[in-house]
């Protein structure tokens, strides 16, 4: 005899619903933190807020994270890895032209941080007082500076870009510009470039600095 679907889906009496795994709880805490950061600064978010949003107790929260700053650090680490993967793919694959390659790289970074703007803004604020966030941020910047410097040197070696300032110095200036422009745009910390124009504006400056023109050779 067929059993009614509603009856089949009903748990047996006394059986507990499946408990979320440790990974699920951790992801729930991180998702809650990112959602709350979009609404208010980290200073106004408590560990109780994070635990309640994740559907766990406060003692359980401390099993996964020692503090709300540790939650932010983990979020930043995940966003950093996502941005590094996205930009590495661009650096590792050929593009029809140099301009398109640089655009793809800038767009990869812009898109990643736009998708996680609340985390990026919170980390930008926290790095002034949190040494761990500052160290992680510095490591992220060093990765992009090194990649940029290597790419500039490669463009000079093939004769596409003229010699000029040391590639690393140029890479530091360009990536620092990206950092400031994105912070102003995402945080409304004016004057700021409108979001739809950010990649185009940054690209023009990068091409002018590297090639002395906004239309480099293929």
Protein backbone atom coordinates (compact mmCIF):
# COMPACT_ATOMS: atom_id res chain seq x y z
CA UNK A 1 0.00 0.00 0.00
CA UNK A 2 1.37 3.43 -0.92
CA UNK A 3 2.27 5.76 1.90
CA UNK A 4 1.28 9.42 1.81
CA UNK A 5 4.38 11.56 0.97
CA UNK A 6 3.73 13.85 3.92
CA UNK A 7 3.80 10.87 6.25
CA UNK A 8 6.93 9.42 4.65
CA UNK A 9 8.84 12.70 5.09
CA UNK A 10 7.87 13.02 8.75
CA UNK A 11 10.71 11.95 11.09
CA UNK A 12 10.09 8.99 13.37
CA UNK A 13 8.86 9.92 16.83
CA UNK A 14 11.71 10.76 19.14
CA UNK A 15 14.29 10.91 16.33
CA UNK A 16 16.38 14.07 16.37
CA UNK A 17 16.88 16.14 13.24
CA UNK A 18 20.40 15.74 11.80
CA UNK A 19 22.91 17.99 13.50
CA UNK A 20 24.95 20.33 11.32
CA UNK A 21 28.55 19.25 10.91
CA UNK A 22 31.45 21.31 12.21
CA UNK A 23 32.12 22.65 8.75
CA UNK A 24 28.48 23.67 8.37
CA UNK A 25 28.58 25.53 11.68
CA UNK A 26 31.77 27.32 10.71
CA UNK A 27 30.30 28.30 7.34
CA UNK A 28 27.16 29.51 9.08
CA UNK A 29 29.22 31.75 11.37
CA UNK A 30 31.14 33.16 8.40
CA UNK A 31 27.97 33.74 6.39
CA UNK A 32 26.36 35.48 9.36
CA UNK A 33 29.39 37.70 9.84
CA UNK A 34 29.49 38.75 6.19
CA UNK A 35 25.77 39.50 6.23
CA UNK A 36 26.00 41.57 9.42
CA UNK A 37 29.08 43.44 8.17
CA UNK A 38 26.98 44.68 5.26
CA UNK A 39 24.64 46.25 7.83
CA UNK A 40 26.97 47.62 10.48
CA UNK A 41 30.66 47.83 11.47
CA UNK A 42 32.48 45.02 13.25
CA UNK A 43 32.61 47.09 16.45
CA UNK A 44 28.80 46.90 16.66
CA UNK A 45 28.64 43.14 16.10
CA UNK A 46 28.90 40.87 19.13
CA UNK A 47 29.83 37.22 19.39
CA UNK A 48 26.25 36.65 20.58
CA UNK A 49 25.03 38.14 17.29
CA UNK A 50 27.25 35.76 15.34
CA UNK A 51 26.27 32.71 17.39
CA UNK A 52 22.56 33.52 17.22
CA UNK A 53 22.70 34.12 13.46
CA UNK A 54 24.48 30.81 12.96
CA UNK A 55 21.96 28.97 15.11
CA UNK A 56 24.48 27.90 17.75
CA UNK A 57 25.27 28.71 21.36
CA UNK A 58 27.94 31.15 22.45
CA UNK A 59 30.15 28.37 23.90
CA UNK A 60 29.90 26.54 20.57
CA UNK A 61 30.99 29.68 18.74
CA UNK A 62 34.22 29.72 20.76
CA UNK A 63 34.88 26.14 19.72
CA UNK A 64 35.36 27.45 16.17
CA UNK A 65 36.68 30.99 16.64
CA UNK A 66 38.46 32.64 19.53
CA UNK A 67 36.90 36.05 18.75
CA UNK A 68 34.95 38.03 16.19
CA UNK A 69 38.28 39.38 14.93
CA UNK A 70 39.26 35.79 14.12
CA UNK A 71 36.06 35.47 12.09
CA UNK A 72 37.00 38.57 10.09
CA UNK A 73 40.50 37.21 9.56
CA UNK A 74 39.10 33.97 8.16
CA UNK A 75 36.71 35.85 5.89
CA UNK A 76 39.55 38.01 4.59
CA UNK A 77 41.71 34.95 4.03
CA UNK A 78 38.96 33.34 1.95
CA UNK A 79 38.35 36.48 -0.11
CA UNK A 80 42.09 36.94 -0.63
CA UNK A 81 42.44 33.38 -1.90
CA UNK A 82 39.49 33.89 -4.23
CA UNK A 83 41.00 37.09 -5.64
CA UNK A 84 44.42 35.46 -6.03
CA UNK A 85 42.94 32.52 -7.91
CA UNK A 86 40.99 34.81 -10.21
CA UNK A 87 43.98 37.03 -11.00
CA UNK A 88 46.39 34.09 -11.33
CA UNK A 89 44.20 32.57 -14.03
CA UNK A 90 44.49 35.79 -16.04
CA UNK A 91 48.26 36.00 -15.65
CA UNK A 92 48.65 32.35 -16.63
CA UNK A 93 46.61 32.42 -19.80
CA UNK A 94 47.20 34.39 -23.01
CA UNK A 95 44.90 37.22 -24.10
CA UNK A 96 44.45 38.63 -27.62
CA UNK A 97 46.12 41.90 -26.64
CA UNK A 98 48.09 43.31 -23.72
CA UNK A 99 45.30 45.77 -22.96
CA UNK A 100 42.75 42.96 -22.76
CA UNK A 101 44.99 40.97 -20.45
CA UNK A 102 45.40 43.85 -18.02
CA UNK A 103 41.67 44.58 -18.18
CA UNK A 104 40.84 40.97 -17.35
CA UNK A 105 43.18 41.06 -14.37
CA UNK A 106 41.77 44.32 -13.02
CA UNK A 107 38.24 43.08 -13.57
CA UNK A 108 38.97 39.82 -11.70
CA UNK A 109 40.14 41.73 -8.64
CA UNK A 110 37.38 44.32 -8.85
CA UNK A 111 34.64 41.69 -9.23
CA UNK A 112 35.91 39.61 -6.31
CA UNK A 113 36.09 42.50 -3.87
CA UNK A 114 32.82 43.97 -5.09
CA UNK A 115 31.14 40.65 -4.30
CA UNK A 116 32.64 40.80 -0.78
CA UNK A 117 32.76 44.54 -0.25
CA UNK A 118 31.61 44.34 3.37
CA UNK A 119 34.57 42.10 4.23
CA UNK A 120 37.01 44.27 2.28
CA UNK A 121 35.87 47.46 4.01
CA UNK A 122 35.89 45.87 7.46
CA UNK A 123 39.39 44.51 6.89
CA UNK A 124 40.63 47.87 5.61
CA UNK A 125 39.50 49.42 8.87
CA UNK A 126 40.73 46.58 11.10
CA UNK A 127 44.26 46.45 9.71
CA UNK A 128 45.09 49.70 11.51
CA UNK A 129 44.58 48.00 14.88
CA UNK A 130 44.85 44.26 14.16
CA UNK A 131 48.35 42.99 13.40
CA UNK A 132 47.10 39.70 11.94
CA UNK A 133 44.79 41.43 9.49
CA UNK A 134 47.58 43.84 8.59
CA UNK A 135 49.98 40.97 7.94
CA UNK A 136 47.47 39.10 5.77
CA UNK A 137 46.68 42.25 3.80
CA UNK A 138 50.38 42.95 3.28
CA UNK A 139 50.90 39.41 2.02
CA UNK A 140 48.05 39.81 -0.43
CA UNK A 141 49.50 43.07 -1.73
CA UNK A 142 52.97 41.54 -2.04
CA UNK A 143 51.60 38.74 -4.20
CA UNK A 144 49.97 41.19 -6.59
CA UNK A 145 52.98 43.50 -6.62
CA UNK A 146 55.30 40.61 -7.49
CA UNK A 147 53.02 39.36 -10.24
CA UNK A 148 52.64 42.85 -11.67
CA UNK A 149 56.38 43.54 -11.58
CA UNK A 150 57.10 40.24 -13.35
CA UNK A 151 54.53 41.04 -16.02
CA UNK A 152 55.97 44.53 -16.57
CA UNK A 153 59.46 43.10 -16.92
CA UNK A 154 58.15 40.55 -19.43
CA UNK A 155 56.51 43.31 -21.47
CA UNK A 156 59.76 45.28 -21.47
CA UNK A 157 61.77 42.20 -22.44
CA UNK A 158 59.63 41.59 -25.53
CA UNK A 159 59.82 45.24 -26.53
CA UNK A 160 56.15 46.01 -25.93
CA UNK A 161 56.79 48.38 -23.02
CA UNK A 162 59.57 50.97 -22.87
CA UNK A 163 62.18 50.96 -20.10
CA UNK A 164 61.48 53.22 -17.19
CA UNK A 165 61.11 53.22 -13.44
CA UNK A 166 61.97 49.96 -11.66
CA UNK A 167 59.15 47.52 -12.35
CA UNK A 168 58.61 46.79 -8.66
CA UNK A 169 58.27 50.48 -7.76
CA UNK A 170 55.76 50.93 -10.56
CA UNK A 171 53.88 47.82 -9.44
CA UNK A 172 53.68 49.09 -5.86
CA UNK A 173 52.28 52.43 -6.98
CA UNK A 174 49.72 50.87 -9.32
CA UNK A 175 48.46 48.31 -6.82
CA UNK A 176 48.32 50.92 -4.05
CA UNK A 177 46.23 53.08 -6.37
CA UNK A 178 43.87 50.15 -6.94
CA UNK A 179 43.51 49.68 -3.20
CA UNK A 180 42.60 53.30 -2.55
CA UNK A 181 40.25 53.65 -5.52
CA UNK A 182 38.36 50.47 -4.66
CA UNK A 183 38.07 51.49 -1.00
CA UNK A 184 36.66 54.90 -1.94
CA UNK A 185 34.21 53.42 -4.44
CA UNK A 186 32.95 50.56 -2.27
CA UNK A 187 32.85 52.59 0.93
CA UNK A 188 31.48 55.84 -0.50
CA UNK A 189 34.57 57.55 0.88
CA UNK A 190 34.52 60.35 -1.70
CA UNK A 191 35.66 61.59 -4.01
CA UNK A 192 35.09 58.22 -5.64
CA UNK A 193 34.97 56.78 -9.14
CA UNK A 194 31.50 55.40 -10.00
CA UNK A 195 31.46 51.59 -9.95
CA UNK A 196 30.72 51.13 -13.67
CA UNK A 197 33.78 53.24 -14.52
CA UNK A 198 36.32 51.85 -12.07
CA UNK A 199 37.95 49.18 -14.23
CA UNK A 200 38.15 51.46 -17.26
CA UNK A 201 39.70 54.32 -15.30
CA UNK A 202 42.23 52.07 -13.59
CA UNK A 203 43.09 50.42 -16.91
CA UNK A 204 43.87 53.75 -18.56
CA UNK A 205 46.24 54.67 -15.74
CA UNK A 206 47.94 51.25 -15.79
CA UNK A 207 48.45 51.31 -19.55
CA UNK A 208 49.74 54.88 -19.47
CA UNK A 209 52.21 54.03 -16.70
CA UNK A 210 53.46 50.79 -18.25
CA UNK A 211 53.36 51.59 -21.99
CA UNK A 212 53.26 55.41 -22.01
CA UNK A 213 50.05 55.06 -24.01
CA UNK A 214 46.54 53.73 -23.47
CA UNK A 215 46.82 51.65 -26.67
CA UNK A 216 49.81 49.31 -26.26
CA UNK A 217 50.92 46.91 -28.99
CA UNK A 218 49.26 43.50 -29.11
